[in-house]
Amino acid sequence: MIGASSHTGVDVCAPDRVSPPLPRADAERIARLLKALSDPTRLQILSLIEAAPSGEACVCDLTEPFDMTQPAISHHLRILVEANILRRDKRGSWTWYSINPGQLEPIRHVLPGPAFLQPTP
């Protein structure tokens, strides 16, 4: 128990200067990031973009590796863009995506794993 103390041999919960919780606005922002990242396809999309030599990928490049339609991949990309995890750059009739590394910073220390979650040197 946090802050447990013993009185007459019985454990009693008595908080001892527990630090304040994560501010609500920060918790909500991190929860939105985690929700956007909670889908395996979205994590795979991020890994493909991160592995691309230029650090970006066209939507047409992201459809082929999956057994999904282009609208389904676009749906996942939209969720990642709305969470500000990906940046979108429209070039002619194609849209290119790159990882917004600063957006993942709040969860880097919580989630070890893929390179896109780790700080760049």
PDB file of N, CA and C in Angstrom:
ATOM      1  N   MET A   1       0.832  -1.186   0.000  1.00  0.00           N
ATOM      2  CA  MET A   1       0.000   0.000   0.000  1.00  0.00           C
ATOM      3  C   MET A   1       0.875   1.248   0.000  1.00  0.00           C
ATOM      4  N   ILE A   2       0.455   2.227  -0.738  1.00  0.00           N
ATOM      5  CA  ILE A   2       1.165   3.503  -0.729  1.00  0.00           C
ATOM      6  C   ILE A   2       0.841   4.198   0.581  1.00  0.00           C
ATOM      7  N   GLY A   3       1.856   4.577   1.274  1.00  0.00           N
ATOM      8  CA  GLY A   3       1.671   5.354   2.492  1.00  0.00           C
ATOM      9  C   GLY A   3       1.024   4.569   3.622  1.00  0.00           C
ATOM     10  N   ALA A   4       1.147   3.246   3.624  1.00  0.00           N
ATOM     11  CA  ALA A   4       0.546   2.462   4.702  1.00  0.00           C
ATOM     12  C   ALA A   4       1.349   2.655   5.976  1.00  0.00           C
ATOM     13  N   SER A   5       0.648   2.742   7.071  1.00  0.00           N
ATOM     14  CA  SER A   5       1.314   2.827   8.369  1.00  0.00           C
ATOM     15  C   SER A   5       0.647   1.844   9.301  1.00  0.00           C
ATOM     16  N   SER A   6       1.344   1.473  10.334  1.00  0.00           N
ATOM     17  CA  SER A   6       0.817   0.466  11.243  1.00  0.00           C
ATOM     18  C   SER A   6       0.412   1.108  12.564  1.00  0.00           C
ATOM     19  N   HIS A   7      -0.831   0.889  12.945  1.00  0.00           N
ATOM     20  CA  HIS A   7      -1.356   1.348  14.218  1.00  0.00           C
ATOM     21  C   HIS A   7      -1.917   0.131  14.930  1.00  0.00           C
ATOM     22  N   THR A   8      -1.432  -0.154  16.082  1.00  0.00           N
ATOM     23  CA  THR A   8      -1.859  -1.299  16.889  1.00  0.00           C
ATOM     24  C   THR A   8      -1.859  -2.600  16.103  1.00  0.00           C
ATOM     25  N   GLY A   9      -0.857  -2.774  15.236  1.00  0.00           N
ATOM     26  CA  GLY A   9      -0.709  -4.017  14.511  1.00  0.00           C
ATOM     27  C   GLY A   9      -1.628  -4.169  13.302  1.00  0.00           C
ATOM     28  N   VAL A  10      -2.437  -3.168  12.981  1.00  0.00           N
ATOM     29  CA  VAL A  10      -3.350  -3.245  11.844  1.00  0.00           C
ATOM     30  C   VAL A  10      -2.872  -2.250  10.788  1.00  0.00           C
ATOM     31  N   ASP A  11      -2.783  -2.722   9.536  1.00  0.00           N
ATOM     32  CA  ASP A  11      -2.392  -1.814   8.455  1.00  0.00           C
ATOM     33  C   ASP A  11      -3.543  -0.874   8.138  1.00  0.00           C
ATOM     34  N   VAL A  12      -3.242   0.417   8.147  1.00  0.00           N
ATOM     35  CA  VAL A  12      -4.237   1.440   7.856  1.00  0.00           C
ATOM     36  C   VAL A  12      -3.723   2.252   6.678  1.00  0.00           C
ATOM     37  N   CYS A  13      -4.590   2.543   5.758  1.00  0.00           N
ATOM     38  CA  CYS A  13      -4.204   3.347   4.611  1.00  0.00           C
ATOM     39  C   CYS A  13      -4.202   4.812   5.031  1.00  0.00           C
ATOM     40  N   ALA A  14      -3.027   5.378   5.084  1.00  0.00           N
ATOM     41  CA  ALA A  14      -2.886   6.793   5.422  1.00  0.00           C
ATOM     42  C   ALA A  14      -1.895   7.382   4.433  1.00  0.00           C
ATOM     43  N   PRO A  15      -2.388   8.092   3.416  1.00  0.00           N
ATOM     44  CA  PRO A  15      -1.483   8.613   2.388  1.00  0.00           C
ATOM     45  C   PRO A  15      -0.385   9.502   2.963  1.00  0.00           C
ATOM     46  N   ASP A  16       0.818   9.237   2.534  1.00  0.00           N
ATOM     47  CA  ASP A  16       1.970  10.048   2.896  1.00  0.00           C
ATOM     48  C   ASP A  16       2.390  10.847   1.674  1.00  0.00           C
ATOM     49  N   ARG A  17       2.055  12.061   1.618  1.00  0.00           N
ATOM     50  CA  ARG A  17       2.522  12.978   0.569  1.00  0.00           C
ATOM     51  C   ARG A  17       2.710  12.290  -0.781  1.00  0.00           C
ATOM     52  N   VAL A  18       1.649  11.785  -1.308  1.00  0.00           N
ATOM     53  CA  VAL A  18       1.684  11.178  -2.625  1.00  0.00           C
ATOM     54  C   VAL A  18       1.791  12.305  -3.644  1.00  0.00           C
ATOM     55  N   SER A  19       2.651  12.119  -4.623  1.00  0.00           N
ATOM     56  CA  SER A  19       2.796  13.174  -5.625  1.00  0.00           C
ATOM     57  C   SER A  19       1.486  13.324  -6.399  1.00  0.00           C
ATOM     58  N   PRO A  20       1.240  14.504  -6.930  1.00  0.00           N
ATOM     59  CA  PRO A  20      -0.019  14.731  -7.658  1.00  0.00           C
ATOM     60  C   PRO A  20      -0.040  13.887  -8.933  1.00  0.00           C
ATOM     61  N   PRO A  21      -1.235  13.555  -9.408  1.00  0.00           N
ATOM     62  CA  PRO A  21      -1.315  12.763 -10.642  1.00  0.00           C
ATOM     63  C   PRO A  21      -0.894  13.593 -11.849  1.00  0.00           C
ATOM     64  N   LEU A  22      -0.708  12.907 -12.934  1.00  0.00           N
ATOM     65  CA  LEU A  22      -0.434  13.559 -14.207  1.00  0.00           C
ATOM     66  C   LEU A  22      -1.556  14.566 -14.459  1.00  0.00           C
ATOM     67  N   PRO A  23      -1.233  15.789 -14.854  1.00  0.00           N
ATOM     68  CA  PRO A  23      -2.292  16.763 -15.133  1.00  0.00           C
ATOM     69  C   PRO A  23      -3.300  16.208 -16.148  1.00  0.00           C
ATOM     70  N   ARG A  24      -4.567  16.506 -15.977  1.00  0.00           N
ATOM     71  CA  ARG A  24      -5.635  15.946 -16.796  1.00  0.00           C
ATOM     72  C   ARG A  24      -5.409  16.198 -18.283  1.00  0.00           C
ATOM     73  N   ALA A  25      -5.013  17.401 -18.639  1.00  0.00           N
ATOM     74  CA  ALA A  25      -4.803  17.715 -20.058  1.00  0.00           C
ATOM     75  C   ALA A  25      -3.702  16.827 -20.651  1.00  0.00           C
ATOM     76  N   ASP A  26      -2.630  16.606 -19.890  1.00  0.00           N
ATOM     77  CA  ASP A  26      -1.551  15.722 -20.355  1.00  0.00           C
ATOM     78  C   ASP A  26      -2.044  14.286 -20.471  1.00  0.00           C
ATOM     79  N   ALA A  27      -2.814  13.830 -19.500  1.00  0.00           N
ATOM     80  CA  ALA A  27      -3.345  12.469 -19.528  1.00  0.00           C
ATOM     81  C   ALA A  27      -4.253  12.266 -20.741  1.00  0.00           C
ATOM     82  N   GLU A  28      -5.081  13.249 -21.043  1.00  0.00           N
ATOM     83  CA  GLU A  28      -5.970  13.137 -22.197  1.00  0.00           C
ATOM     84  C   GLU A  28      -5.186  13.122 -23.500  1.00  0.00           C
ATOM     85  N   ARG A  29      -4.145  13.945 -23.597  1.00  0.00           N
ATOM     86  CA  ARG A  29      -3.308  13.985 -24.805  1.00  0.00           C
ATOM     87  C   ARG A  29      -2.595  12.652 -25.006  1.00  0.00           C
ATOM     88  N   ILE A  30      -2.020  12.106 -23.948  1.00  0.00           N
ATOM     89  CA  ILE A  30      -1.314  10.826 -24.047  1.00  0.00           C
ATOM     90  C   ILE A  30      -2.300   9.699 -24.350  1.00  0.00           C
ATOM     91  N   ALA A  31      -3.492   9.745 -23.766  1.00  0.00           N
ATOM     92  CA  ALA A  31      -4.507   8.722 -24.036  1.00  0.00           C
ATOM     93  C   ALA A  31      -4.903   8.735 -25.514  1.00  0.00           C
ATOM     94  N   ARG A  32      -5.016   9.926 -26.120  1.00  0.00           N
ATOM     95  CA  ARG A  32      -5.338  10.011 -27.553  1.00  0.00           C
ATOM     96  C   ARG A  32      -4.225   9.378 -28.390  1.00  0.00           C
ATOM     97  N   LEU A  33      -2.974   9.636 -28.004  1.00  0.00           N
ATOM     98  CA  LEU A  33      -1.852   9.026 -28.720  1.00  0.00           C
ATOM     99  C   LEU A  33      -1.902   7.507 -28.607  1.00  0.00           C
ATOM    100  N   LEU A  34      -2.099   7.023 -27.383  1.00  0.00           N
ATOM    101  CA  LEU A  34      -2.132   5.580 -27.169  1.00  0.00           C
ATOM    102  C   LEU A  34      -3.300   4.931 -27.909  1.00  0.00           C
ATOM    103  N   LYS A  35      -4.424   5.597 -27.939  1.00  0.00           N
ATOM    104  CA  LYS A  35      -5.583   5.066 -28.661  1.00  0.00           C
ATOM    105  C   LYS A  35      -5.267   4.955 -30.149  1.00  0.00           C
ATOM    106  N   ALA A  36      -4.652   5.977 -30.712  1.00  0.00           N
ATOM    107  CA  ALA A  36      -4.293   5.949 -32.136  1.00  0.00           C
ATOM    108  C   ALA A  36      -3.264   4.861 -32.421  1.00  0.00           C
ATOM    109  N   LEU A  37      -2.391   4.578 -31.482  1.00  0.00           N
ATOM    110  CA  LEU A  37      -1.347   3.574 -31.674  1.00  0.00           C
ATOM    111  C   LEU A  37      -1.799   2.166 -31.306  1.00  0.00           C
ATOM    112  N   SER A  38      -3.010   2.024 -30.795  1.00  0.00           N
ATOM    113  CA  SER A  38      -3.436   0.728 -30.269  1.00  0.00           C
ATOM    114  C   SER A  38      -3.872  -0.278 -31.333  1.00  0.00           C
ATOM    115  N   ASP A  39      -3.759   0.072 -32.583  1.00  0.00           N
ATOM    116  CA  ASP A  39      -4.148  -0.825 -33.657  1.00  0.00           C
ATOM    117  C   ASP A  39      -2.907  -1.420 -34.321  1.00  0.00           C
ATOM    118  N   PRO A  40      -2.851  -2.737 -34.503  1.00  0.00           N
ATOM    119  CA  PRO A  40      -1.664  -3.352 -35.116  1.00  0.00           C
ATOM    120  C   PRO A  40      -1.361  -2.830 -36.522  1.00  0.00           C
ATOM    121  N   THR A  41      -2.385  -2.579 -37.314  1.00  0.00           N
ATOM    122  CA  THR A  41      -2.149  -2.062 -38.669  1.00  0.00           C
ATOM    123  C   THR A  41      -1.492  -0.691 -38.610  1.00  0.00           C
ATOM    124  N   ARG A  42      -1.926   0.156 -37.690  1.00  0.00           N
ATOM    125  CA  ARG A  42      -1.327   1.496 -37.579  1.00  0.00           C
ATOM    126  C   ARG A  42       0.128   1.405 -37.128  1.00  0.00           C
ATOM    127  N   LEU A  43       0.426   0.478 -36.240  1.00  0.00           N
ATOM    128  CA  LEU A  43       1.829   0.294 -35.835  1.00  0.00           C
ATOM    129  C   LEU A  43       2.661  -0.205 -37.018  1.00  0.00           C
ATOM    130  N   GLN A  44       2.096  -1.086 -37.834  1.00  0.00           N
ATOM    131  CA  GLN A  44       2.809  -1.568 -39.012  1.00  0.00           C
ATOM    132  C   GLN A  44       3.019  -0.431 -40.019  1.00  0.00           C
ATOM    133  N   ILE A  45       2.012   0.394 -40.192  1.00  0.00           N
ATOM    134  CA  ILE A  45       2.154   1.547 -41.089  1.00  0.00           C
ATOM    135  C   ILE A  45       3.285   2.452 -40.612  1.00  0.00           C
ATOM    136  N   LEU A  46       3.320   2.730 -39.322  1.00  0.00           N
ATOM    137  CA  LEU A  46       4.400   3.567 -38.782  1.00  0.00           C
ATOM    138  C   LEU A  46       5.759   2.924 -39.016  1.00  0.00           C
ATOM    139  N   SER A  47       5.846   1.617 -38.851  1.00  0.00           N
ATOM    140  CA  SER A  47       7.138   0.947 -39.052  1.00  0.00           C
ATOM    141  C   SER A  47       7.574   1.031 -40.510  1.00  0.00           C
ATOM    142  N   LEU A  48       6.623   0.943 -41.451  1.00  0.00           N
ATOM    143  CA  LEU A  48       6.966   1.082 -42.871  1.00  0.00           C
ATOM    144  C   LEU A  48       7.468   2.484 -43.192  1.00  0.00           C
ATOM    145  N   ILE A  49       6.784   3.474 -42.663  1.00  0.00           N
ATOM    146  CA  ILE A  49       7.196   4.863 -42.920  1.00  0.00           C
ATOM    147  C   ILE A  49       8.564   5.120 -42.306  1.00  0.00           C
ATOM    148  N   GLU A  50       8.756   4.640 -41.103  1.00  0.00           N
ATOM    149  CA  GLU A  50      10.029   4.850 -40.416  1.00  0.00           C
ATOM    150  C   GLU A  50      11.173   4.162 -41.155  1.00  0.00           C
ATOM    151  N   ALA A  51      10.908   3.019 -41.768  1.00  0.00           N
ATOM    152  CA  ALA A  51      11.943   2.262 -42.473  1.00  0.00           C
ATOM    153  C   ALA A  51      12.215   2.787 -43.883  1.00  0.00           C
ATOM    154  N   ALA A  52      11.345   3.639 -44.390  1.00  0.00           N
ATOM    155  CA  ALA A  52      11.540   4.176 -45.742  1.00  0.00           C
ATOM    156  C   ALA A  52      12.826   4.995 -45.793  1.00  0.00           C
ATOM    157  N   PRO A  53      13.612   4.830 -46.840  1.00  0.00           N
ATOM    158  CA  PRO A  53      14.889   5.563 -46.932  1.00  0.00           C
ATOM    159  C   PRO A  53      14.750   7.071 -46.755  1.00  0.00           C
ATOM    160  N   SER A  54      13.668   7.637 -47.256  1.00  0.00           N
ATOM    161  CA  SER A  54      13.471   9.088 -47.148  1.00  0.00           C
ATOM    162  C   SER A  54      12.714   9.476 -45.875  1.00  0.00           C
ATOM    163  N   GLY A  55      12.257   8.476 -45.107  1.00  0.00           N
ATOM    164  CA  GLY A  55      11.492   8.773 -43.899  1.00  0.00           C
ATOM    165  C   GLY A  55      10.060   9.168 -44.180  1.00  0.00           C
ATOM    166  N   GLU A  56       9.620   8.920 -45.399  1.00  0.00           N
ATOM    167  CA  GLU A  56       8.244   9.216 -45.768  1.00  0.00           C
ATOM    168  C   GLU A  56       7.771   8.169 -46.755  1.00  0.00           C
ATOM    169  N   ALA A  57       6.452   8.044 -46.873  1.00  0.00           N
ATOM    170  CA  ALA A  57       5.889   7.081 -47.813  1.00  0.00           C
ATOM    171  C   ALA A  57       4.609   7.637 -48.414  1.00  0.00           C
ATOM    172  N   CYS A  58       4.392   7.279 -49.672  1.00  0.00           N
ATOM    173  CA  CYS A  58       3.173   7.660 -50.381  1.00  0.00           C
ATOM    174  C   CYS A  58       2.089   6.652 -50.013  1.00  0.00           C
ATOM    175  N   VAL A  59       0.860   7.114 -49.997  1.00  0.00           N
ATOM    176  CA  VAL A  59      -0.258   6.218 -49.679  1.00  0.00           C
ATOM    177  C   VAL A  59      -0.256   5.008 -50.607  1.00  0.00           C
ATOM    178  N   CYS A  60       0.158   5.180 -51.853  1.00  0.00           N
ATOM    179  CA  CYS A  60       0.193   4.059 -52.799  1.00  0.00           C
ATOM    180  C   CYS A  60       1.210   3.002 -52.362  1.00  0.00           C
ATOM    181  N   ASP A  61       2.301   3.421 -51.706  1.00  0.00           N
ATOM    182  CA  ASP A  61       3.306   2.482 -51.210  1.00  0.00           C
ATOM    183  C   ASP A  61       2.819   1.726 -49.981  1.00  0.00           C
ATOM    184  N   LEU A  62       1.883   2.313 -49.260  1.00  0.00           N
ATOM    185  CA  LEU A  62       1.416   1.709 -48.005  1.00  0.00           C
ATOM    186  C   LEU A  62       0.272   0.726 -48.210  1.00  0.00           C
ATOM    187  N   THR A  63      -0.347   0.732 -49.374  1.00  0.00           N
ATOM    188  CA  THR A  63      -1.476  -0.163 -49.621  1.00  0.00           C
ATOM    189  C   THR A  63      -1.002  -1.576 -49.965  1.00  0.00           C
ATOM    190  N   GLU A  64       0.045  -1.694 -50.753  1.00  0.00           N
ATOM    191  CA  GLU A  64       0.502  -2.985 -51.246  1.00  0.00           C
ATOM    192  C   GLU A  64       0.882  -3.998 -50.146  1.00  0.00           C
ATOM    193  N   PRO A  65       1.583  -3.616 -49.092  1.00  0.00           N
ATOM    194  CA  PRO A  65       1.999  -4.616 -48.090  1.00  0.00           C
ATOM    195  C   PRO A  65       0.851  -5.224 -47.270  1.00  0.00           C
ATOM    196  N   PHE A  66      -0.332  -4.643 -47.358  1.00  0.00           N
ATOM    197  CA  PHE A  66      -1.461  -5.102 -46.546  1.00  0.00           C
ATOM    198  C   PHE A  66      -2.534  -5.740 -47.430  1.00  0.00           C
ATOM    199  N   ASP A  67      -3.241  -6.649 -46.865  1.00  0.00           N
ATOM    200  CA  ASP A  67      -4.383  -7.235 -47.562  1.00  0.00           C
ATOM    201  C   ASP A  67      -5.612  -6.389 -47.250  1.00  0.00           C
ATOM    202  N   MET A  68      -5.512  -5.104 -47.634  1.00  0.00           N
ATOM    203  CA  MET A  68      -6.574  -4.142 -47.352  1.00  0.00           C
ATOM    204  C   MET A  68      -6.737  -3.239 -48.559  1.00  0.00           C
ATOM    205  N   THR A  69      -7.890  -2.631 -48.640  1.00  0.00           N
ATOM    206  CA  THR A  69      -8.140  -1.688 -49.723  1.00  0.00           C
ATOM    207  C   THR A  69      -7.478  -0.345 -49.398  1.00  0.00           C
ATOM    208  N   GLN A  70      -7.321   0.468 -50.417  1.00  0.00           N
ATOM    209  CA  GLN A  70      -6.743   1.796 -50.217  1.00  0.00           C
ATOM    210  C   GLN A  70      -7.606   2.631 -49.271  1.00  0.00           C
ATOM    211  N   PRO A  71      -8.951   2.581 -49.360  1.00  0.00           N
ATOM    212  CA  PRO A  71      -9.745   3.344 -48.391  1.00  0.00           C
ATOM    213  C   PRO A  71      -9.520   2.896 -46.942  1.00  0.00           C
ATOM    214  N   ALA A  72      -9.291   1.598 -46.737  1.00  0.00           N
ATOM    215  CA  ALA A  72      -9.039   1.113 -45.373  1.00  0.00           C
ATOM    216  C   ALA A  72      -7.706   1.649 -44.852  1.00  0.00           C
ATOM    217  N   ILE A  73      -6.683   1.638 -45.692  1.00  0.00           N
ATOM    218  CA  ILE A  73      -5.379   2.184 -45.288  1.00  0.00           C
ATOM    219  C   ILE A  73      -5.514   3.685 -45.052  1.00  0.00           C
ATOM    220  N   SER A  74      -6.248   4.373 -45.911  1.00  0.00           N
ATOM    221  CA  SER A  74      -6.451   5.815 -45.737  1.00  0.00           C
ATOM    222  C   SER A  74      -7.155   6.116 -44.418  1.00  0.00           C
ATOM    223  N   HIS A  75      -8.062   5.252 -44.014  1.00  0.00           N
ATOM    224  CA  HIS A  75      -8.743   5.424 -42.722  1.00  0.00           C
ATOM    225  C   HIS A  75      -7.719   5.391 -41.578  1.00  0.00           C
ATOM    226  N   HIS A  76      -6.813   4.417 -41.608  1.00  0.00           N
ATOM    227  CA  HIS A  76      -5.779   4.324 -40.571  1.00  0.00           C
ATOM    228  C   HIS A  76      -4.848   5.536 -40.610  1.00  0.00           C
ATOM    229  N   LEU A  77      -4.492   5.957 -41.804  1.00  0.00           N
ATOM    230  CA  LEU A  77      -3.632   7.137 -41.944  1.00  0.00           C
ATOM    231  C   LEU A  77      -4.318   8.379 -41.390  1.00  0.00           C
ATOM    232  N   ARG A  78      -5.611   8.517 -41.651  1.00  0.00           N
ATOM    233  CA  ARG A  78      -6.358   9.673 -41.141  1.00  0.00           C
ATOM    234  C   ARG A  78      -6.332   9.707 -39.612  1.00  0.00           C
ATOM    235  N   ILE A  79      -6.499   8.562 -38.987  1.00  0.00           N
ATOM    236  CA  ILE A  79      -6.460   8.501 -37.521  1.00  0.00           C
ATOM    237  C   ILE A  79      -5.089   8.936 -37.011  1.00  0.00           C
ATOM    238  N   LEU A  80      -4.026   8.486 -37.669  1.00  0.00           N
ATOM    239  CA  LEU A  80      -2.669   8.858 -37.249  1.00  0.00           C
ATOM    240  C   LEU A  80      -2.395  10.345 -37.491  1.00  0.00           C
ATOM    241  N   VAL A  81      -2.941  10.898 -38.563  1.00  0.00           N
ATOM    242  CA  VAL A  81      -2.790  12.335 -38.834  1.00  0.00           C
ATOM    243  C   VAL A  81      -3.572  13.147 -37.810  1.00  0.00           C
ATOM    244  N   GLU A  82      -4.805  12.731 -37.524  1.00  0.00           N
ATOM    245  CA  GLU A  82      -5.630  13.458 -36.547  1.00  0.00           C
ATOM    246  C   GLU A  82      -5.005  13.436 -35.157  1.00  0.00           C
ATOM    247  N   ALA A  83      -4.274  12.375 -34.836  1.00  0.00           N
ATOM    248  CA  ALA A  83      -3.571  12.300 -33.552  1.00  0.00           C
ATOM    249  C   ALA A  83      -2.243  13.054 -33.614  1.00  0.00           C
ATOM    250  N   ASN A  84      -1.932  13.634 -34.769  1.00  0.00           N
ATOM    251  CA  ASN A  84      -0.707  14.400 -34.998  1.00  0.00           C
ATOM    252  C   ASN A  84       0.538  13.519 -34.918  1.00  0.00           C
ATOM    253  N   ILE A  85       0.373  12.231 -35.126  1.00  0.00           N
ATOM    254  CA  ILE A  85       1.502  11.305 -35.138  1.00  0.00           C
ATOM    255  C   ILE A  85       2.181  11.338 -36.501  1.00  0.00           C
ATOM    256  N   LEU A  86       1.378  11.510 -37.536  1.00  0.00           N
ATOM    257  CA  LEU A  86       1.912  11.622 -38.894  1.00  0.00           C
ATOM    258  C   LEU A  86       1.681  13.015 -39.436  1.00  0.00           C
ATOM    259  N   ARG A  87       2.608  13.428 -40.301  1.00  0.00           N
ATOM    260  CA  ARG A  87       2.422  14.653 -41.084  1.00  0.00           C
ATOM    261  C   ARG A  87       2.008  14.232 -42.488  1.00  0.00           C
ATOM    262  N   ARG A  88       1.134  15.002 -43.101  1.00  0.00           N
ATOM    263  CA  ARG A  88       0.632  14.703 -44.435  1.00  0.00           C
ATOM    264  C   ARG A  88       1.075  15.811 -45.372  1.00  0.00           C
ATOM    265  N   ASP A  89       1.584  15.415 -46.549  1.00  0.00           N
ATOM    266  CA  ASP A  89       2.038  16.382 -47.550  1.00  0.00           C
ATOM    267  C   ASP A  89       1.440  15.991 -48.899  1.00  0.00           C
ATOM    268  N   LYS A  90       0.548  16.820 -49.396  1.00  0.00           N
ATOM    269  CA  LYS A  90      -0.118  16.557 -50.679  1.00  0.00           C
ATOM    270  C   LYS A  90       0.801  17.038 -51.801  1.00  0.00           C
ATOM    271  N   ARG A  91       1.129  16.119 -52.723  1.00  0.00           N
ATOM    272  CA  ARG A  91       1.967  16.446 -53.886  1.00  0.00           C
ATOM    273  C   ARG A  91       1.247  15.975 -55.138  1.00  0.00           C
ATOM    274  N   GLY A  92       0.662  16.888 -55.846  1.00  0.00           N
ATOM    275  CA  GLY A  92      -0.125  16.523 -57.028  1.00  0.00           C
ATOM    276  C   GLY A  92      -1.319  15.686 -56.597  1.00  0.00           C
ATOM    277  N   SER A  93      -1.461  14.511 -57.185  1.00  0.00           N
ATOM    278  CA  SER A  93      -2.600  13.660 -56.836  1.00  0.00           C
ATOM    279  C   SER A  93      -2.265  12.657 -55.737  1.00  0.00           C
ATOM    280  N   TRP A  94      -1.023  12.673 -55.246  1.00  0.00           N
ATOM    281  CA  TRP A  94      -0.606  11.719 -54.216  1.00  0.00           C
ATOM    282  C   TRP A  94      -0.375  12.416 -52.881  1.00  0.00           C
ATOM    283  N   THR A  95      -0.547  11.666 -51.820  1.00  0.00           N
ATOM    284  CA  THR A  95      -0.302  12.183 -50.478  1.00  0.00           C
ATOM    285  C   THR A  95       0.829  11.379 -49.847  1.00  0.00           C
ATOM    286  N   TRP A  96       1.795  12.099 -49.289  1.00  0.00           N
ATOM    287  CA  TRP A  96       2.956  11.494 -48.652  1.00  0.00           C
ATOM    288  C   TRP A  96       2.843  11.689 -47.145  1.00  0.00           C
ATOM    289  N   TYR A  97       3.313  10.710 -46.396  1.00  0.00           N
ATOM    290  CA  TYR A  97       3.213  10.731 -44.939  1.00  0.00           C
ATOM    291  C   TYR A  97       4.592  10.553 -44.324  1.00  0.00           C
ATOM    292  N   SER A  98       4.825  11.288 -43.252  1.00  0.00           N
ATOM    293  CA  SER A  98       6.062  11.143 -42.477  1.00  0.00           C
ATOM    294  C   SER A  98       5.708  11.224 -40.991  1.00  0.00           C
ATOM    295  N   ILE A  99       6.570  10.646 -40.178  1.00  0.00           N
ATOM    296  CA  ILE A  99       6.326  10.609 -38.734  1.00  0.00           C
ATOM    297  C   ILE A  99       6.672  11.954 -38.120  1.00  0.00           C
ATOM    298  N   ASN A 100       5.806  12.424 -37.270  1.00  0.00           N
ATOM    299  CA  ASN A 100       6.036  13.640 -36.503  1.00  0.00           C
ATOM    300  C   ASN A 100       6.674  13.193 -35.176  1.00  0.00           C
ATOM    301  N   PRO A 101       8.012  13.108 -35.119  1.00  0.00           N
ATOM    302  CA  PRO A 101       8.665  12.500 -33.958  1.00  0.00           C
ATOM    303  C   PRO A 101       8.393  13.212 -32.638  1.00  0.00           C
ATOM    304  N   GLY A 102       8.205  14.491 -32.652  1.00  0.00           N
ATOM    305  CA  GLY A 102       7.948  15.215 -31.413  1.00  0.00           C
ATOM    306  C   GLY A 102       6.655  14.793 -30.739  1.00  0.00           C
ATOM    307  N   GLN A 103       5.700  14.326 -31.523  1.00  0.00           N
ATOM    308  CA  GLN A 103       4.411  13.937 -30.976  1.00  0.00           C
ATOM    309  C   GLN A 103       4.507  12.673 -30.136  1.00  0.00           C
ATOM    310  N   LEU A 104       5.467  11.818 -30.414  1.00  0.00           N
ATOM    311  CA  LEU A 104       5.589  10.553 -29.688  1.00  0.00           C
ATOM    312  C   LEU A 104       6.418  10.681 -28.411  1.00  0.00           C
ATOM    313  N   GLU A 105       7.014  11.823 -28.216  1.00  0.00           N
ATOM    314  CA  GLU A 105       7.887  12.034 -27.052  1.00  0.00           C
ATOM    315  C   GLU A 105       7.244  11.692 -25.707  1.00  0.00           C
ATOM    316  N   PRO A 106       5.978  12.054 -25.453  1.00  0.00           N
ATOM    317  CA  PRO A 106       5.391  11.769 -24.141  1.00  0.00           C
ATOM    318  C   PRO A 106       5.295  10.281 -23.808  1.00  0.00           C
ATOM    319  N   ILE A 107       5.334   9.416 -24.820  1.00  0.00           N
ATOM    320  CA  ILE A 107       5.190   7.989 -24.516  1.00  0.00           C
ATOM    321  C   ILE A 107       6.464   7.193 -24.745  1.00  0.00           C
ATOM    322  N   ARG A 108       7.521   7.832 -25.158  1.00  0.00           N
ATOM    323  CA  ARG A 108       8.782   7.113 -25.411  1.00  0.00           C
ATOM    324  C   ARG A 108       9.296   6.383 -24.175  1.00  0.00           C
ATOM    325  N   HIS A 109       9.208   6.997 -23.027  1.00  0.00           N
ATOM    326  CA  HIS A 109       9.744   6.368 -21.815  1.00  0.00           C
ATOM    327  C   HIS A 109       8.831   5.269 -21.294  1.00  0.00           C
ATOM    328  N   VAL A 110       7.581   5.255 -21.742  1.00  0.00           N
ATOM    329  CA  VAL A 110       6.619   4.263 -21.276  1.00  0.00           C
ATOM    330  C   VAL A 110       6.637   3.021 -22.157  1.00  0.00           C
ATOM    331  N   LEU A 111       6.848   3.199 -23.454  1.00  0.00           N
ATOM    332  CA  LEU A 111       6.744   2.102 -24.403  1.00  0.00           C
ATOM    333  C   LEU A 111       8.056   1.814 -25.112  1.00  0.00           C
ATOM    334  N   PRO A 112       8.823   0.880 -24.599  1.00  0.00           N
ATOM    335  CA  PRO A 112      10.001   0.476 -25.365  1.00  0.00           C
ATOM    336  C   PRO A 112       9.529  -0.317 -26.575  1.00  0.00           C
ATOM    337  N   GLY A 113      10.245  -0.256 -27.630  1.00  0.00           N
ATOM    338  CA  GLY A 113       9.796  -1.037 -28.773  1.00  0.00           C
ATOM    339  C   GLY A 113      10.310  -0.504 -30.075  1.00  0.00           C
ATOM    340  N   PRO A 114       9.414  -0.370 -31.059  1.00  0.00           N
ATOM    341  CA  PRO A 114       9.828   0.009 -32.401  1.00  0.00           C
ATOM    342  C   PRO A 114      10.662   1.287 -32.436  1.00  0.00           C
ATOM    343  N   ALA A 115      11.487   1.352 -33.446  1.00  0.00           N
ATOM    344  CA  ALA A 115      12.395   2.494 -33.569  1.00  0.00           C
ATOM    345  C   ALA A 115      11.656   3.815 -33.591  1.00  0.00           C
ATOM    346  N   PHE A 116      10.455   3.857 -34.159  1.00  0.00           N
ATOM    347  CA  PHE A 116       9.742   5.134 -34.240  1.00  0.00           C
ATOM    348  C   PHE A 116       9.324   5.637 -32.876  1.00  0.00           C
ATOM    349  N   LEU A 117       9.380   4.794 -31.859  1.00  0.00           N
ATOM    350  CA  LEU A 117       9.085   5.247 -30.499  1.00  0.00           C
ATOM    351  C   LEU A 117      10.344   5.688 -29.766  1.00  0.00           C
ATOM    352  N   GLN A 118      11.503   5.367 -30.321  1.00  0.00           N
ATOM    353  CA  GLN A 118      12.757   5.692 -29.656  1.00  0.00           C
ATOM    354  C   GLN A 118      13.303   7.026 -30.138  1.00  0.00           C
ATOM    355  N   PRO A 119      13.994   7.738 -29.262  1.00  0.00           N
ATOM    356  CA  PRO A 119      14.571   9.030 -29.670  1.00  0.00           C
ATOM    357  C   PRO A 119      15.576   8.844 -30.799  1.00  0.00           C
ATOM    358  N   THR A 120      15.604   9.778 -31.706  1.00  0.00           N
ATOM    359  CA  THR A 120      16.592   9.717 -32.781  1.00  0.00           C
ATOM    360  C   THR A 120      17.896  10.309 -32.268  1.00  0.00           C
ATOM    361  N   PRO A 121      19.022   9.722 -32.672  1.00  0.00           N
ATOM    362  CA  PRO A 121      20.324  10.221 -32.188  1.00  0.00           C
ATOM    363  C   PRO A 121      20.668  11.580 -32.731  1.00  0.00           C
TER     364      PRO A 121
END
